[in-house]
PDB file of N, CA and C in Angstrom:
ATOM      1  N   MET A   1      25.146   5.788 -18.960  1.00  0.00           N
ATOM      2  CA  MET A   1      24.080   4.814 -19.091  1.00  0.00           C
ATOM      3  C   MET A   1      23.667   4.274 -17.732  1.00  0.00           C
ATOM      4  N   GLY A   2      24.641   3.959 -16.878  1.00  0.00           N
ATOM      5  CA  GLY A   2      24.339   3.462 -15.539  1.00  0.00           C
ATOM      6  C   GLY A   2      23.617   4.500 -14.701  1.00  0.00           C
ATOM      7  N   GLU A   3      23.988   5.775 -14.868  1.00  0.00           N
ATOM      8  CA  GLU A   3      23.337   6.856 -14.129  1.00  0.00           C
ATOM      9  C   GLU A   3      21.881   7.003 -14.552  1.00  0.00           C
ATOM     10  N   GLU A   4      21.614   6.845 -15.858  1.00  0.00           N
ATOM     11  CA  GLU A   4      20.240   6.932 -16.359  1.00  0.00           C
ATOM     12  C   GLU A   4      19.384   5.822 -15.771  1.00  0.00           C
ATOM     13  N   LYS A   5      19.943   4.630 -15.722  1.00  0.00           N
ATOM     14  CA  LYS A   5      19.208   3.490 -15.162  1.00  0.00           C
ATOM     15  C   LYS A   5      18.929   3.732 -13.681  1.00  0.00           C
ATOM     16  N   ASP A   6      19.920   4.244 -12.959  1.00  0.00           N
ATOM     17  CA  ASP A   6      19.746   4.548 -11.542  1.00  0.00           C
ATOM     18  C   ASP A   6      18.674   5.611 -11.346  1.00  0.00           C
ATOM     19  N   LEU A   7      18.663   6.621 -12.201  1.00  0.00           N
ATOM     20  CA  LEU A   7      17.675   7.696 -12.107  1.00  0.00           C
ATOM     21  C   LEU A   7      16.276   7.147 -12.357  1.00  0.00           C
ATOM     22  N   ARG A   8      16.128   6.347 -13.427  1.00  0.00           N
ATOM     23  CA  ARG A   8      14.821   5.745 -13.715  1.00  0.00           C
ATOM     24  C   ARG A   8      14.350   4.891 -12.556  1.00  0.00           C
ATOM     25  N   SER A   9      15.226   4.091 -12.035  1.00  0.00           N
ATOM     26  CA  SER A   9      14.891   3.208 -10.920  1.00  0.00           C
ATOM     27  C   SER A   9      14.494   4.015  -9.685  1.00  0.00           C
ATOM     28  N   SER A  10      15.234   5.058  -9.402  1.00  0.00           N
ATOM     29  CA  SER A  10      14.958   5.901  -8.248  1.00  0.00           C
ATOM     30  C   SER A  10      13.611   6.611  -8.379  1.00  0.00           C
ATOM     31  N   LEU A  11      13.335   7.176  -9.546  1.00  0.00           N
ATOM     32  CA  LEU A  11      12.068   7.872  -9.771  1.00  0.00           C
ATOM     33  C   LEU A  11      10.889   6.908  -9.719  1.00  0.00           C
ATOM     34  N   SER A  12      11.073   5.743 -10.294  1.00  0.00           N
ATOM     35  CA  SER A  12      10.022   4.724 -10.271  1.00  0.00           C
ATOM     36  C   SER A  12       9.734   4.276  -8.842  1.00  0.00           C
ATOM     37  N   MET A  13      10.782   4.067  -8.058  1.00  0.00           N
ATOM     38  CA  MET A  13      10.625   3.647  -6.668  1.00  0.00           C
ATOM     39  C   MET A  13       9.929   4.733  -5.859  1.00  0.00           C
ATOM     40  N   GLU A  14      10.284   5.966  -6.111  1.00  0.00           N
ATOM     41  CA  GLU A  14       9.666   7.092  -5.412  1.00  0.00           C
ATOM     42  C   GLU A  14       8.168   7.160  -5.712  1.00  0.00           C
ATOM     43  N   LEU A  15       7.811   6.982  -6.965  1.00  0.00           N
ATOM     44  CA  LEU A  15       6.405   6.995  -7.367  1.00  0.00           C
ATOM     45  C   LEU A  15       5.641   5.853  -6.703  1.00  0.00           C
ATOM     46  N   ARG A  16       6.213   4.662  -6.705  1.00  0.00           N
ATOM     47  CA  ARG A  16       5.584   3.481  -6.103  1.00  0.00           C
ATOM     48  C   ARG A  16       5.432   3.612  -4.596  1.00  0.00           C
ATOM     49  N   ARG A  17       6.463   4.105  -3.952  1.00  0.00           N
ATOM     50  CA  ARG A  17       6.460   4.214  -2.494  1.00  0.00           C
ATOM     51  C   ARG A  17       5.272   5.041  -2.015  1.00  0.00           C
ATOM     52  N   GLY A  18       4.935   6.070  -2.755  1.00  0.00           N
ATOM     53  CA  GLY A  18       3.824   6.926  -2.379  1.00  0.00           C
ATOM     54  C   GLY A  18       2.470   6.253  -2.471  1.00  0.00           C
ATOM     55  N   THR A  19       2.378   5.180  -3.230  1.00  0.00           N
ATOM     56  CA  THR A  19       1.088   4.508  -3.407  1.00  0.00           C
ATOM     57  C   THR A  19       0.920   3.277  -2.531  1.00  0.00           C
ATOM     58  N   LEU A  20       1.985   2.763  -1.969  1.00  0.00           N
ATOM     59  CA  LEU A  20       1.892   1.504  -1.230  1.00  0.00           C
ATOM     60  C   LEU A  20       1.067   1.607   0.050  1.00  0.00           C
ATOM     61  N   ALA A  21       1.193   2.693   0.790  1.00  0.00           N
ATOM     62  CA  ALA A  21       0.407   2.833   2.021  1.00  0.00           C
ATOM     63  C   ALA A  21      -1.083   2.831   1.692  1.00  0.00           C
ATOM     64  N   LEU A  22      -1.477   3.564   0.671  1.00  0.00           N
ATOM     65  CA  LEU A  22      -2.875   3.583   0.254  1.00  0.00           C
ATOM     66  C   LEU A  22      -3.313   2.198  -0.219  1.00  0.00           C
ATOM     67  N   SER A  23      -2.463   1.517  -0.968  1.00  0.00           N
ATOM     68  CA  SER A  23      -2.776   0.168  -1.443  1.00  0.00           C
ATOM     69  C   SER A  23      -3.029  -0.782  -0.274  1.00  0.00           C
ATOM     70  N   VAL A  24      -2.152  -0.732   0.711  1.00  0.00           N
ATOM     71  CA  VAL A  24      -2.288  -1.610   1.882  1.00  0.00           C
ATOM     72  C   VAL A  24      -3.549  -1.251   2.670  1.00  0.00           C
ATOM     73  N   LEU A  25      -3.745   0.024   2.949  1.00  0.00           N
ATOM     74  CA  LEU A  25      -4.926   0.437   3.707  1.00  0.00           C
ATOM     75  C   LEU A  25      -6.215   0.031   3.008  1.00  0.00           C
ATOM     76  N   SER A  26      -6.215   0.041   1.686  1.00  0.00           N
ATOM     77  CA  SER A  26      -7.421  -0.310   0.936  1.00  0.00           C
ATOM     78  C   SER A  26      -7.838  -1.766   1.167  1.00  0.00           C
ATOM     79  N   GLN A  27      -6.893  -2.592   1.533  1.00  0.00           N
ATOM     80  CA  GLN A  27      -7.170  -4.025   1.686  1.00  0.00           C
ATOM     81  C   GLN A  27      -7.392  -4.464   3.133  1.00  0.00           C
ATOM     82  N   MET A  28      -7.344  -3.536   4.067  1.00  0.00           N
ATOM     83  CA  MET A  28      -7.307  -3.924   5.474  1.00  0.00           C
ATOM     84  C   MET A  28      -8.627  -3.725   6.229  1.00  0.00           C
ATOM     85  N   LYS A  29      -9.737  -3.638   5.509  1.00  0.00           N
ATOM     86  CA  LYS A  29     -11.035  -3.566   6.175  1.00  0.00           C
ATOM     87  C   LYS A  29     -11.265  -4.855   6.973  1.00  0.00           C
ATOM     88  N   GLU A  30     -10.928  -5.975   6.354  1.00  0.00           N
ATOM     89  CA  GLU A  30     -10.973  -7.279   7.010  1.00  0.00           C
ATOM     90  C   GLU A  30      -9.550  -7.645   7.426  1.00  0.00           C
ATOM     91  N   ALA A  31      -9.437  -8.353   8.537  1.00  0.00           N
ATOM     92  CA  ALA A  31      -8.109  -8.740   9.038  1.00  0.00           C
ATOM     93  C   ALA A  31      -7.400  -9.659   8.049  1.00  0.00           C
ATOM     94  N   LYS A  32      -6.122  -9.385   7.841  1.00  0.00           N
ATOM     95  CA  LYS A  32      -5.287 -10.211   6.966  1.00  0.00           C
ATOM     96  C   LYS A  32      -3.908 -10.351   7.599  1.00  0.00           C
ATOM     97  N   TYR A  33      -3.270 -11.473   7.328  1.00  0.00           N
ATOM     98  CA  TYR A  33      -1.873 -11.619   7.716  1.00  0.00           C
ATOM     99  C   TYR A  33      -1.020 -11.293   6.497  1.00  0.00           C
ATOM    100  N   GLY A  34       0.253 -11.095   6.735  1.00  0.00           N
ATOM    101  CA  GLY A  34       1.142 -10.571   5.707  1.00  0.00           C
ATOM    102  C   GLY A  34       1.085 -11.285   4.372  1.00  0.00           C
ATOM    103  N   TYR A  35       1.230 -12.610   4.370  1.00  0.00           N
ATOM    104  CA  TYR A  35       1.271 -13.335   3.100  1.00  0.00           C
ATOM    105  C   TYR A  35      -0.057 -13.228   2.362  1.00  0.00           C
ATOM    106  N   SER A  36      -1.181 -13.274   3.089  1.00  0.00           N
ATOM    107  CA  SER A  36      -2.479 -13.154   2.415  1.00  0.00           C
ATOM    108  C   SER A  36      -2.647 -11.754   1.827  1.00  0.00           C
ATOM    109  N   LEU A  37      -2.056 -10.757   2.452  1.00  0.00           N
ATOM    110  CA  LEU A  37      -2.103  -9.395   1.928  1.00  0.00           C
ATOM    111  C   LEU A  37      -1.277  -9.294   0.649  1.00  0.00           C
ATOM    112  N   VAL A  38      -0.095  -9.915   0.634  1.00  0.00           N
ATOM    113  CA  VAL A  38       0.737  -9.938  -0.576  1.00  0.00           C
ATOM    114  C   VAL A  38      -0.065 -10.545  -1.719  1.00  0.00           C
ATOM    115  N   GLN A  39      -0.728 -11.672  -1.466  1.00  0.00           N
ATOM    116  CA  GLN A  39      -1.516 -12.348  -2.497  1.00  0.00           C
ATOM    117  C   GLN A  39      -2.679 -11.472  -2.968  1.00  0.00           C
ATOM    118  N   SER A  40      -3.379 -10.865  -2.022  1.00  0.00           N
ATOM    119  CA  SER A  40      -4.523 -10.014  -2.343  1.00  0.00           C
ATOM    120  C   SER A  40      -4.105  -8.849  -3.230  1.00  0.00           C
ATOM    121  N   LEU A  41      -3.000  -8.215  -2.889  1.00  0.00           N
ATOM    122  CA  LEU A  41      -2.509  -7.098  -3.692  1.00  0.00           C
ATOM    123  C   LEU A  41      -2.062  -7.567  -5.078  1.00  0.00           C
ATOM    124  N   GLU A  42      -1.359  -8.697  -5.129  1.00  0.00           N
ATOM    125  CA  GLU A  42      -0.880  -9.195  -6.420  1.00  0.00           C
ATOM    126  C   GLU A  42      -2.033  -9.570  -7.339  1.00  0.00           C
ATOM    127  N   GLU A  43      -3.118 -10.111  -6.783  1.00  0.00           N
ATOM    128  CA  GLU A  43      -4.295 -10.442  -7.589  1.00  0.00           C
ATOM    129  C   GLU A  43      -4.881  -9.196  -8.242  1.00  0.00           C
ATOM    130  N   LYS A  44      -4.663  -8.059  -7.621  1.00  0.00           N
ATOM    131  CA  LYS A  44      -5.204  -6.801  -8.132  1.00  0.00           C
ATOM    132  C   LYS A  44      -4.155  -5.995  -8.902  1.00  0.00           C
ATOM    133  N   GLY A  45      -3.012  -6.618  -9.194  1.00  0.00           N
ATOM    134  CA  GLY A  45      -1.998  -5.976 -10.028  1.00  0.00           C
ATOM    135  C   GLY A  45      -0.971  -5.134  -9.290  1.00  0.00           C
ATOM    136  N   ILE A  46      -0.938  -5.217  -7.956  1.00  0.00           N
ATOM    137  CA  ILE A  46       0.038  -4.460  -7.166  1.00  0.00           C
ATOM    138  C   ILE A  46       1.014  -5.463  -6.555  1.00  0.00           C
ATOM    139  N   SER A  47       2.238  -5.477  -7.053  1.00  0.00           N
ATOM    140  CA  SER A  47       3.223  -6.386  -6.470  1.00  0.00           C
ATOM    141  C   SER A  47       3.958  -5.663  -5.351  1.00  0.00           C
ATOM    142  N   ILE A  48       4.186  -6.400  -4.282  1.00  0.00           N
ATOM    143  CA  ILE A  48       4.906  -5.830  -3.140  1.00  0.00           C
ATOM    144  C   ILE A  48       5.780  -6.921  -2.542  1.00  0.00           C
ATOM    145  N   ASP A  49       7.011  -6.585  -2.337  1.00  0.00           N
ATOM    146  CA  ASP A  49       7.960  -7.515  -1.747  1.00  0.00           C
ATOM    147  C   ASP A  49       7.690  -7.616  -0.246  1.00  0.00           C
ATOM    148  N   PRO A  50       7.693  -8.821   0.321  1.00  0.00           N
ATOM    149  CA  PRO A  50       7.491  -8.948   1.773  1.00  0.00           C
ATOM    150  C   PRO A  50       8.468  -8.110   2.585  1.00  0.00           C
ATOM    151  N   ASN A  51       9.683  -7.912   2.075  1.00  0.00           N
ATOM    152  CA  ASN A  51      10.659  -7.087   2.793  1.00  0.00           C
ATOM    153  C   ASN A  51      10.269  -5.607   2.804  1.00  0.00           C
ATOM    154  N   THR A  52       9.368  -5.234   1.943  1.00  0.00           N
ATOM    155  CA  THR A  52       8.801  -3.885   1.944  1.00  0.00           C
ATOM    156  C   THR A  52       7.522  -3.855   2.766  1.00  0.00           C
ATOM    157  N   LEU A  53       6.724  -4.911   2.640  1.00  0.00           N
ATOM    158  CA  LEU A  53       5.415  -4.954   3.289  1.00  0.00           C
ATOM    159  C   LEU A  53       5.499  -4.947   4.813  1.00  0.00           C
ATOM    160  N   TYR A  54       6.302  -5.814   5.387  1.00  0.00           N
ATOM    161  CA  TYR A  54       6.290  -5.953   6.846  1.00  0.00           C
ATOM    162  C   TYR A  54       6.728  -4.682   7.582  1.00  0.00           C
ATOM    163  N   PRO A  55       7.776  -4.001   7.133  1.00  0.00           N
ATOM    164  CA  PRO A  55       8.087  -2.708   7.779  1.00  0.00           C
ATOM    165  C   PRO A  55       6.958  -1.688   7.608  1.00  0.00           C
ATOM    166  N   LEU A  56       6.296  -1.712   6.446  1.00  0.00           N
ATOM    167  CA  LEU A  56       5.179  -0.804   6.213  1.00  0.00           C
ATOM    168  C   LEU A  56       4.023  -1.111   7.169  1.00  0.00           C
ATOM    169  N   LEU A  57       3.708  -2.390   7.360  1.00  0.00           N
ATOM    170  CA  LEU A  57       2.645  -2.772   8.304  1.00  0.00           C
ATOM    171  C   LEU A  57       2.979  -2.289   9.716  1.00  0.00           C
ATOM    172  N   ARG A  58       4.222  -2.482  10.125  1.00  0.00           N
ATOM    173  CA  ARG A  58       4.622  -2.040  11.472  1.00  0.00           C
ATOM    174  C   ARG A  58       4.532  -0.518  11.604  1.00  0.00           C
ATOM    175  N   ARG A  59       4.911   0.203  10.546  1.00  0.00           N
ATOM    176  CA  ARG A  59       4.836   1.664  10.575  1.00  0.00           C
ATOM    177  C   ARG A  59       3.384   2.128  10.646  1.00  0.00           C
ATOM    178  N   LEU A  60       2.519   1.523   9.858  1.00  0.00           N
ATOM    179  CA  LEU A  60       1.103   1.898   9.877  1.00  0.00           C
ATOM    180  C   LEU A  60       0.464   1.574  11.230  1.00  0.00           C
ATOM    181  N   GLU A  61       0.920   0.494  11.846  1.00  0.00           N
ATOM    182  CA  GLU A  61       0.422   0.161  13.184  1.00  0.00           C
ATOM    183  C   GLU A  61       0.913   1.188  14.205  1.00  0.00           C
ATOM    184  N   LYS A  62       2.172   1.552  14.121  1.00  0.00           N
ATOM    185  CA  LYS A  62       2.730   2.544  15.037  1.00  0.00           C
ATOM    186  C   LYS A  62       2.025   3.895  14.892  1.00  0.00           C
ATOM    187  N   GLN A  63       1.577   4.200  13.679  1.00  0.00           N
ATOM    188  CA  GLN A  63       0.869   5.458  13.416  1.00  0.00           C
ATOM    189  C   GLN A  63      -0.604   5.398  13.838  1.00  0.00           C
ATOM    190  N   GLY A  64      -1.052   4.222  14.292  1.00  0.00           N
ATOM    191  CA  GLY A  64      -2.431   4.086  14.752  1.00  0.00           C
ATOM    192  C   GLY A  64      -3.430   3.790  13.648  1.00  0.00           C
ATOM    193  N   LEU A  65      -2.951   3.482  12.439  1.00  0.00           N
ATOM    194  CA  LEU A  65      -3.837   3.216  11.316  1.00  0.00           C
ATOM    195  C   LEU A  65      -4.243   1.751  11.231  1.00  0.00           C
ATOM    196  N   LEU A  66      -3.418   0.877  11.786  1.00  0.00           N
ATOM    197  CA  LEU A  66      -3.695  -0.557  11.829  1.00  0.00           C
ATOM    198  C   LEU A  66      -3.566  -1.061  13.255  1.00  0.00           C
ATOM    199  N   GLU A  67      -4.250  -2.154  13.537  1.00  0.00           N
ATOM    200  CA  GLU A  67      -4.070  -2.897  14.786  1.00  0.00           C
ATOM    201  C   GLU A  67      -3.700  -4.318  14.409  1.00  0.00           C
ATOM    202  N   SER A  68      -3.030  -4.998  15.303  1.00  0.00           N
ATOM    203  CA  SER A  68      -2.661  -6.389  15.023  1.00  0.00           C
ATOM    204  C   SER A  68      -3.029  -7.274  16.197  1.00  0.00           C
ATOM    205  N   ARG A  69      -3.172  -8.543  15.875  1.00  0.00           N
ATOM    206  CA  ARG A  69      -3.397  -9.561  16.913  1.00  0.00           C
ATOM    207  C   ARG A  69      -2.805 -10.870  16.406  1.00  0.00           C
ATOM    208  N   TRP A  70      -2.313 -11.662  17.342  1.00  0.00           N
ATOM    209  CA  TRP A  70      -1.728 -12.955  16.998  1.00  0.00           C
ATOM    210  C   TRP A  70      -2.803 -14.028  17.042  1.00  0.00           C
ATOM    211  N   GLU A  71      -2.811 -14.892  16.041  1.00  0.00           N
ATOM    212  CA  GLU A  71      -3.648 -16.091  16.010  1.00  0.00           C
ATOM    213  C   GLU A  71      -2.710 -17.276  16.162  1.00  0.00           C
ATOM    214  N   THR A  72      -2.940 -18.050  17.185  1.00  0.00           N
ATOM    215  CA  THR A  72      -2.035 -19.174  17.446  1.00  0.00           C
ATOM    216  C   THR A  72      -2.739 -20.516  17.300  1.00  0.00           C
ATOM    217  N   GLY A  73      -3.982 -20.529  16.855  1.00  0.00           N
ATOM    218  CA  GLY A  73      -4.745 -21.769  16.766  1.00  0.00           C
ATOM    219  C   GLY A  73      -4.422 -22.630  15.569  1.00  0.00           C
ATOM    220  N   GLY A  74      -3.803 -22.091  14.553  1.00  0.00           N
ATOM    221  CA  GLY A  74      -3.514 -22.854  13.339  1.00  0.00           C
ATOM    222  C   GLY A  74      -2.216 -23.624  13.437  1.00  0.00           C
ATOM    223  N   SER A  75      -1.733 -24.043  12.270  1.00  0.00           N
ATOM    224  CA  SER A  75      -0.499 -24.826  12.226  1.00  0.00           C
ATOM    225  C   SER A  75       0.713 -24.002  12.658  1.00  0.00           C
ATOM    226  N   LYS A  76       0.659 -22.695  12.426  1.00  0.00           N
ATOM    227  CA  LYS A  76       1.727 -21.813  12.896  1.00  0.00           C
ATOM    228  C   LYS A  76       1.115 -20.468  13.281  1.00  0.00           C
ATOM    229  N   PRO A  77       1.706 -19.776  14.231  1.00  0.00           N
ATOM    230  CA  PRO A  77       1.157 -18.480  14.649  1.00  0.00           C
ATOM    231  C   PRO A  77       1.225 -17.464  13.510  1.00  0.00           C
ATOM    232  N   ARG A  78       0.173 -16.653  13.395  1.00  0.00           N
ATOM    233  CA  ARG A  78       0.132 -15.611  12.380  1.00  0.00           C
ATOM    234  C   ARG A  78      -0.323 -14.306  13.016  1.00  0.00           C
ATOM    235  N   LYS A  79       0.280 -13.233  12.559  1.00  0.00           N
ATOM    236  CA  LYS A  79      -0.099 -11.910  13.032  1.00  0.00           C
ATOM    237  C   LYS A  79      -1.057 -11.296  12.008  1.00  0.00           C
ATOM    238  N   TYR A  80      -2.265 -11.024  12.449  1.00  0.00           N
ATOM    239  CA  TYR A  80      -3.290 -10.430  11.595  1.00  0.00           C
ATOM    240  C   TYR A  80      -3.373  -8.938  11.850  1.00  0.00           C
ATOM    241  N   TYR A  81      -3.539  -8.194  10.767  1.00  0.00           N
ATOM    242  CA  TYR A  81      -3.676  -6.740  10.833  1.00  0.00           C
ATOM    243  C   TYR A  81      -5.046  -6.341  10.288  1.00  0.00           C
ATOM    244  N   HIS A  82      -5.596  -5.269  10.839  1.00  0.00           N
ATOM    245  CA  HIS A  82      -6.806  -4.678  10.275  1.00  0.00           C
ATOM    246  C   HIS A  82      -6.796  -3.180  10.555  1.00  0.00           C
ATOM    247  N   ARG A  83      -7.584  -2.453   9.749  1.00  0.00           N
ATOM    248  CA  ARG A  83      -7.654  -1.002   9.902  1.00  0.00           C
ATOM    249  C   ARG A  83      -8.378  -0.624  11.183  1.00  0.00           C
ATOM    250  N   THR A  84      -7.890   0.397  11.837  1.00  0.00           N
ATOM    251  CA  THR A  84      -8.580   0.990  12.975  1.00  0.00           C
ATOM    252  C   THR A  84      -9.622   1.975  12.422  1.00  0.00           C
ATOM    253  N   ASP A  85     -10.460   2.496  13.291  1.00  0.00           N
ATOM    254  CA  ASP A  85     -11.405   3.536  12.864  1.00  0.00           C
ATOM    255  C   ASP A  85     -10.640   4.736  12.320  1.00  0.00           C
ATOM    256  N   TYR A  86      -9.561   5.092  13.014  1.00  0.00           N
ATOM    257  CA  TYR A  86      -8.715   6.197  12.551  1.00  0.00           C
ATOM    258  C   TYR A  86      -8.097   5.857  11.194  1.00  0.00           C
ATOM    259  N   GLY A  87      -7.672   4.607  11.033  1.00  0.00           N
ATOM    260  CA  GLY A  87      -7.112   4.160   9.761  1.00  0.00           C
ATOM    261  C   GLY A  87      -8.119   4.255   8.630  1.00  0.00           C
ATOM    262  N   THR A  88      -9.375   3.950   8.925  1.00  0.00           N
ATOM    263  CA  THR A  88     -10.428   4.061   7.912  1.00  0.00           C
ATOM    264  C   THR A  88     -10.655   5.523   7.535  1.00  0.00           C
ATOM    265  N   GLN A  89     -10.634   6.391   8.527  1.00  0.00           N
ATOM    266  CA  GLN A  89     -10.801   7.826   8.271  1.00  0.00           C
ATOM    267  C   GLN A  89      -9.666   8.331   7.370  1.00  0.00           C
ATOM    268  N   ILE A  90      -8.446   7.990   7.716  1.00  0.00           N
ATOM    269  CA  ILE A  90      -7.284   8.410   6.916  1.00  0.00           C
ATOM    270  C   ILE A  90      -7.349   7.794   5.524  1.00  0.00           C
ATOM    271  N   TYR A  91      -7.726   6.519   5.451  1.00  0.00           N
ATOM    272  CA  TYR A  91      -7.848   5.847   4.151  1.00  0.00           C
ATOM    273  C   TYR A  91      -8.836   6.588   3.255  1.00  0.00           C
ATOM    274  N   GLU A  92     -10.001   6.952   3.792  1.00  0.00           N
ATOM    275  CA  GLU A  92     -11.012   7.658   2.997  1.00  0.00           C
ATOM    276  C   GLU A  92     -10.478   9.007   2.506  1.00  0.00           C
ATOM    277  N   GLU A  93      -9.738   9.699   3.356  1.00  0.00           N
ATOM    278  CA  GLU A  93      -9.148  10.984   2.953  1.00  0.00           C
ATOM    279  C   GLU A  93      -8.094  10.795   1.862  1.00  0.00           C
ATOM    280  N   LEU A  94      -7.228   9.802   2.043  1.00  0.00           N
ATOM    281  CA  LEU A  94      -6.193   9.526   1.040  1.00  0.00           C
ATOM    282  C   LEU A  94      -6.810   9.078  -0.279  1.00  0.00           C
ATOM    283  N   LYS A  95      -7.854   8.276  -0.185  1.00  0.00           N
ATOM    284  CA  LYS A  95      -8.549   7.796  -1.389  1.00  0.00           C
ATOM    285  C   LYS A  95      -9.108   8.980  -2.180  1.00  0.00           C
ATOM    286  N   ALA A  96      -9.748   9.937  -1.498  1.00  0.00           N
ATOM    287  CA  ALA A  96     -10.289  11.125  -2.171  1.00  0.00           C
ATOM    288  C   ALA A  96      -9.168  11.938  -2.813  1.00  0.00           C
ATOM    289  N   GLN A  97      -8.048  12.091  -2.092  1.00  0.00           N
ATOM    290  CA  GLN A  97      -6.903  12.818  -2.649  1.00  0.00           C
ATOM    291  C   GLN A  97      -6.351  12.092  -3.870  1.00  0.00           C
ATOM    292  N   TRP A  98      -6.271  10.755  -3.796  1.00  0.00           N
ATOM    293  CA  TRP A  98      -5.768   9.956  -4.913  1.00  0.00           C
ATOM    294  C   TRP A  98      -6.661  10.143  -6.136  1.00  0.00           C
ATOM    295  N   GLU A  99      -7.979  10.077  -5.938  1.00  0.00           N
ATOM    296  CA  GLU A  99      -8.899  10.209  -7.060  1.00  0.00           C
ATOM    297  C   GLU A  99      -8.756  11.570  -7.730  1.00  0.00           C
ATOM    298  N   GLU A 100      -8.615  12.616  -6.930  1.00  0.00           N
ATOM    299  CA  GLU A 100      -8.434  13.961  -7.470  1.00  0.00           C
ATOM    300  C   GLU A 100      -7.103  14.074  -8.215  1.00  0.00           C
ATOM    301  N   LEU A 101      -6.047  13.565  -7.591  1.00  0.00           N
ATOM    302  CA  LEU A 101      -4.722  13.617  -8.206  1.00  0.00           C
ATOM    303  C   LEU A 101      -4.664  12.791  -9.487  1.00  0.00           C
ATOM    304  N   SER A 102      -5.216  11.595  -9.461  1.00  0.00           N
ATOM    305  CA  SER A 102      -5.136  10.734 -10.646  1.00  0.00           C
ATOM    306  C   SER A 102      -5.959  11.308 -11.799  1.00  0.00           C
ATOM    307  N   GLU A 103      -7.076  11.961 -11.486  1.00  0.00           N
ATOM    308  CA  GLU A 103      -7.858  12.609 -12.537  1.00  0.00           C
ATOM    309  C   GLU A 103      -7.047  13.743 -13.175  1.00  0.00           C
ATOM    310  N   GLY A 104      -6.400  14.523 -12.331  1.00  0.00           N
ATOM    311  CA  GLY A 104      -5.554  15.602 -12.848  1.00  0.00           C
ATOM    312  C   GLY A 104      -4.400  15.070 -13.686  1.00  0.00           C
ATOM    313  N   MET A 105      -3.757  14.005 -13.214  1.00  0.00           N
ATOM    314  CA  MET A 105      -2.640  13.420 -13.965  1.00  0.00           C
ATOM    315  C   MET A 105      -3.122  12.849 -15.295  1.00  0.00           C
ATOM    316  N   GLU A 106      -4.272  12.212 -15.280  1.00  0.00           N
ATOM    317  CA  GLU A 106      -4.819  11.657 -16.515  1.00  0.00           C
ATOM    318  C   GLU A 106      -5.057  12.770 -17.531  1.00  0.00           C
ATOM    319  N   ASN A 107      -5.593  13.892 -17.064  1.00  0.00           N
ATOM    320  CA  ASN A 107      -5.811  15.043 -17.960  1.00  0.00           C
ATOM    321  C   ASN A 107      -4.493  15.575 -18.504  1.00  0.00           C
ATOM    322  N   LEU A 108      -3.482  15.669 -17.643  1.00  0.00           N
ATOM    323  CA  LEU A 108      -2.170  16.147 -18.100  1.00  0.00           C
ATOM    324  C   LEU A 108      -1.565  15.223 -19.148  1.00  0.00           C
ATOM    325  N   LEU A 109      -1.631  13.931 -18.898  1.00  0.00           N
ATOM    326  CA  LEU A 109      -1.011  12.979 -19.818  1.00  0.00           C
ATOM    327  C   LEU A 109      -1.773  12.890 -21.123  1.00  0.00           C
ATOM    328  N   LYS A 110      -3.102  13.018 -21.091  1.00  0.00           N
ATOM    329  CA  LYS A 110      -3.883  13.024 -22.336  1.00  0.00           C
ATOM    330  C   LYS A 110      -3.583  14.276 -23.141  1.00  0.00           C
ATOM    331  N   GLU A 111      -3.386  15.397 -22.447  1.00  0.00           N
ATOM    332  CA  GLU A 111      -3.076  16.661 -23.103  1.00  0.00           C
ATOM    333  C   GLU A 111      -1.796  16.542 -23.926  1.00  0.00           C
ATOM    334  N   GLU A 112      -0.825  15.820 -23.375  1.00  0.00           N
ATOM    335  CA  GLU A 112       0.445  15.657 -24.065  1.00  0.00           C
ATOM    336  C   GLU A 112       0.265  14.860 -25.357  1.00  0.00           C
ATOM    337  N   GLU A 113      -0.667  13.920 -25.365  1.00  0.00           N
ATOM    338  CA  GLU A 113      -0.890  13.080 -26.547  1.00  0.00           C
ATOM    339  C   GLU A 113      -1.553  13.839 -27.695  1.00  0.00           C
ATOM    340  N   SER A 114      -2.225  14.920 -27.383  1.00  0.00           N
ATOM    341  CA  SER A 114      -2.948  15.677 -28.418  1.00  0.00           C
ATOM    342  C   SER A 114      -2.018  16.473 -29.290  1.00  0.00           C
TER     343      SER A 114
END
C-alpha cells in the first residue's frame, strides 16, 4: 500500500514538474516578484510551493529565459522577474507543443471512455 502511494505521488509530481516552467513563463510578460507570481498562478488554478518556485525562477534566469532586477523603493526589497525576448520565443514554442500534446491526450482519454 505504501509503495502504491509512493508511485502515485511520484508519477503525479513528474507530470506536474513538466508543466511548471510553462506555467511560470506564461505569467512573466509583465514583471512580477515571487509572491505575486504564486498568487497569480493560484488564481488560475495552478498551485506552486514557494520552495519550488524560487529555484525554478533562478534556473529559468540562468537559462536566459528570464531577467531579474531588484526594487528597493518599497517597504522591503523585492526581486522582480520578467521574460526575455528569448524567453518569449521559447514560451511560444512550448505553448504550441503543449496545445498539440494536450489535444492528443484529450483524444486518447476520450477514446478510452467510449
